[in-house]
Structures are given as C-alpha cells and as structure tokens.
Amino acid sequence: MIKHATPDERRLVESYTRGEWRSVKGVRRRTARYAAAARRTLRKNARMNIRISQVDLAGLQAKAIQEGLPYQTLVASVLHKYVSGQLATKA
C-alpha cells in the first residue's frame, strides 16, 4: 500500500487490486484519435516575436510556474484559446 495516500487514493488502489476495473471498448482507437487531434492542435509551425513590458513578462512567468508550464507554452495556449473563442472574458 502507498504510505502517504489519501483515503480516496487507498480506496481506488484497493478497488483496482480487487479487479473491479474494466477497460472501455475501443480505448486504443479513441486514444489514437485524440492523440492525432492533439498533435494537429499543438503543432507549432510559425514563429512570432513581440515586445511586452517587463512587468507583464514577469507576470506571465509567475503564472506559468503556477501551472507547471514554460511561459511560452502558456502564452501560446492563451492566444489559441482567444482566437478559437474559448477564452472567457469577465463581465
């Protein structure tokens, strides 16, 4: 058993150990489909240079650290969400 597991984690491990989990049908096909979609979406084939304030750059870098991402990846993600209409604005 895992030493520092939470009660929920222990229940999941015990359930799995008892053989209560079953794979869903078509999981390999679905995984391949979603992996291909991710590759198409995340393909970076263009370069962009911008100038921003040092304060904004520091803020982006801090947010990226919180998210566990390189800051360039965070910026690309925010821009992608904006142009695809997925970025919510505050009302």
C-alpha atoms as a PDB file:
ATOM      1  CA  MET A   1       0.000   0.000   0.000  1.00  0.00           C
ATOM      2  CA  ILE A   2       1.090   3.562  -0.641  1.00  0.00           C
ATOM      3  CA  LYS A   3       2.452   5.161   2.553  1.00  0.00           C
ATOM      4  CA  HIS A   4       1.167   8.715   2.138  1.00  0.00           C
ATOM      5  CA  ALA A   5      -2.035   8.020   0.213  1.00  0.00           C
ATOM      6  CA  THR A   6      -5.277   9.783   0.999  1.00  0.00           C
ATOM      7  CA  PRO A   7      -8.303   7.661   1.941  1.00  0.00           C
ATOM      8  CA  ASP A   8      -9.710   8.177  -1.578  1.00  0.00           C
ATOM      9  CA  GLU A   9      -6.434   7.065  -3.144  1.00  0.00           C
ATOM     10  CA  ARG A  10      -6.353   3.961  -0.935  1.00  0.00           C
ATOM     11  CA  ARG A  11      -9.928   3.056  -1.952  1.00  0.00           C
ATOM     12  CA  LEU A  12      -9.036   3.417  -5.639  1.00  0.00           C
ATOM     13  CA  VAL A  13      -5.952   1.211  -5.284  1.00  0.00           C
ATOM     14  CA  GLU A  14      -7.926  -1.408  -3.345  1.00  0.00           C
ATOM     15  CA  SER A  15     -10.702  -1.366  -5.953  1.00  0.00           C
ATOM     16  CA  TYR A  16      -8.185  -1.808  -8.763  1.00  0.00           C
ATOM     17  CA  THR A  17      -6.390  -4.586  -6.862  1.00  0.00           C
ATOM     18  CA  ARG A  18      -9.696  -6.463  -6.432  1.00  0.00           C
ATOM     19  CA  GLY A  19     -10.112  -6.413 -10.221  1.00  0.00           C
ATOM     20  CA  GLU A  20     -13.155  -4.152 -10.224  1.00  0.00           C
ATOM     21  CA  TRP A  21     -11.880  -2.009 -13.116  1.00  0.00           C
ATOM     22  CA  ARG A  22     -12.539  -2.883 -16.750  1.00  0.00           C
ATOM     23  CA  SER A  23     -11.164  -1.242 -19.844  1.00  0.00           C
ATOM     24  CA  VAL A  24     -13.681   0.564 -22.046  1.00  0.00           C
ATOM     25  CA  LYS A  25     -14.325  -0.759 -25.535  1.00  0.00           C
ATOM     26  CA  GLY A  26     -12.330   0.866 -28.300  1.00  0.00           C
ATOM     27  CA  VAL A  27      -9.878   2.552 -25.931  1.00  0.00           C
ATOM     28  CA  ARG A  28      -6.922   2.103 -28.295  1.00  0.00           C
ATOM     29  CA  ARG A  29      -8.855   3.576 -31.222  1.00  0.00           C
ATOM     30  CA  ARG A  30     -10.053   6.514 -29.122  1.00  0.00           C
ATOM     31  CA  THR A  31      -6.591   7.133 -27.714  1.00  0.00           C
ATOM     32  CA  ALA A  32      -5.094   7.180 -31.216  1.00  0.00           C
ATOM     33  CA  ARG A  33      -7.812   9.566 -32.435  1.00  0.00           C
ATOM     34  CA  TYR A  34      -7.334  12.001 -29.558  1.00  0.00           C
ATOM     35  CA  ALA A  35      -3.545  11.807 -29.823  1.00  0.00           C
ATOM     36  CA  ALA A  36      -3.741  12.706 -33.522  1.00  0.00           C
ATOM     37  CA  ALA A  37      -6.062  15.630 -32.746  1.00  0.00           C
ATOM     38  CA  ALA A  38      -3.675  16.856 -30.052  1.00  0.00           C
ATOM     39  CA  ARG A  39      -0.719  16.664 -32.429  1.00  0.00           C
ATOM     40  CA  ARG A  40      -2.607  18.696 -35.043  1.00  0.00           C
ATOM     41  CA  THR A  41      -3.723  21.256 -32.473  1.00  0.00           C
ATOM     42  CA  LEU A  42      -0.379  21.618 -30.745  1.00  0.00           C
ATOM     43  CA  ARG A  43       1.782  21.737 -33.878  1.00  0.00           C
ATOM     44  CA  LYS A  44       3.891  24.845 -33.727  1.00  0.00           C
ATOM     45  CA  ASN A  45       4.982  25.755 -37.239  1.00  0.00           C
ATOM     46  CA  ALA A  46       5.221  29.547 -37.081  1.00  0.00           C
ATOM     47  CA  ARG A  47       7.352  31.947 -35.088  1.00  0.00           C
ATOM     48  CA  MET A  48       6.215  35.260 -33.609  1.00  0.00           C
ATOM     49  CA  ASN A  49       8.266  37.931 -31.846  1.00  0.00           C
ATOM     50  CA  ILE A  50       6.537  40.518 -29.669  1.00  0.00           C
ATOM     51  CA  ARG A  51       7.634  43.196 -27.249  1.00  0.00           C
ATOM     52  CA  ILE A  52       5.864  43.391 -23.896  1.00  0.00           C
ATOM     53  CA  SER A  53       6.561  45.156 -20.633  1.00  0.00           C
ATOM     54  CA  GLN A  54       8.896  43.560 -18.111  1.00  0.00           C
ATOM     55  CA  VAL A  55       6.043  43.573 -15.585  1.00  0.00           C
ATOM     56  CA  ASP A  56       3.773  41.609 -17.940  1.00  0.00           C
ATOM     57  CA  LEU A  57       6.570  39.157 -18.752  1.00  0.00           C
ATOM     58  CA  ALA A  58       7.232  38.599 -15.044  1.00  0.00           C
ATOM     59  CA  GLY A  59       3.507  38.036 -14.502  1.00  0.00           C
ATOM     60  CA  LEU A  60       3.351  35.521 -17.339  1.00  0.00           C
ATOM     61  CA  GLN A  61       6.367  33.693 -15.991  1.00  0.00           C
ATOM     62  CA  ALA A  62       4.851  33.557 -12.490  1.00  0.00           C
ATOM     63  CA  LYS A  63       1.538  32.213 -13.830  1.00  0.00           C
ATOM     64  CA  ALA A  64       3.409  29.649 -15.927  1.00  0.00           C
ATOM     65  CA  ILE A  65       5.290  28.434 -12.853  1.00  0.00           C
ATOM     66  CA  GLN A  66       1.969  28.022 -11.014  1.00  0.00           C
ATOM     67  CA  GLU A  67       0.668  25.958 -13.938  1.00  0.00           C
ATOM     68  CA  GLY A  68       3.894  23.962 -14.278  1.00  0.00           C
ATOM     69  CA  LEU A  69       4.454  25.119 -17.870  1.00  0.00           C
ATOM     70  CA  PRO A  70       7.116  27.004 -19.778  1.00  0.00           C
ATOM     71  CA  TYR A  71       5.863  30.578 -20.156  1.00  0.00           C
ATOM     72  CA  GLN A  72       5.987  30.375 -23.961  1.00  0.00           C
ATOM     73  CA  THR A  73       3.598  27.405 -23.817  1.00  0.00           C
ATOM     74  CA  LEU A  74       1.248  29.360 -21.559  1.00  0.00           C
ATOM     75  CA  VAL A  75       1.277  32.335 -23.948  1.00  0.00           C
ATOM     76  CA  ALA A  76       0.618  30.076 -26.954  1.00  0.00           C
ATOM     77  CA  SER A  77      -2.254  28.415 -25.082  1.00  0.00           C
ATOM     78  CA  VAL A  78      -3.872  31.730 -24.144  1.00  0.00           C
ATOM     79  CA  LEU A  79      -3.561  33.010 -27.708  1.00  0.00           C
ATOM     80  CA  HIS A  80      -5.032  29.782 -29.108  1.00  0.00           C
ATOM     81  CA  LYS A  81      -7.984  29.979 -26.712  1.00  0.00           C
ATOM     82  CA  TYR A  82      -8.552  33.618 -27.676  1.00  0.00           C
ATOM     83  CA  VAL A  83      -8.588  33.071 -31.433  1.00  0.00           C
ATOM     84  CA  SER A  84     -10.728  29.931 -31.143  1.00  0.00           C
ATOM     85  CA  GLY A  85     -13.322  31.700 -28.948  1.00  0.00           C
ATOM     86  CA  GLN A  86     -12.609  29.546 -25.896  1.00  0.00           C
ATOM     87  CA  LEU A  87     -11.231  32.344 -23.714  1.00  0.00           C
ATOM     88  CA  ALA A  88     -13.934  33.637 -21.387  1.00  0.00           C
ATOM     89  CA  THR A  89     -13.994  37.348 -20.610  1.00  0.00           C
ATOM     90  CA  LYS A  90     -15.040  38.899 -17.325  1.00  0.00           C
ATOM     91  CA  ALA A  91     -18.366  40.681 -17.482  1.00  0.00           C
END
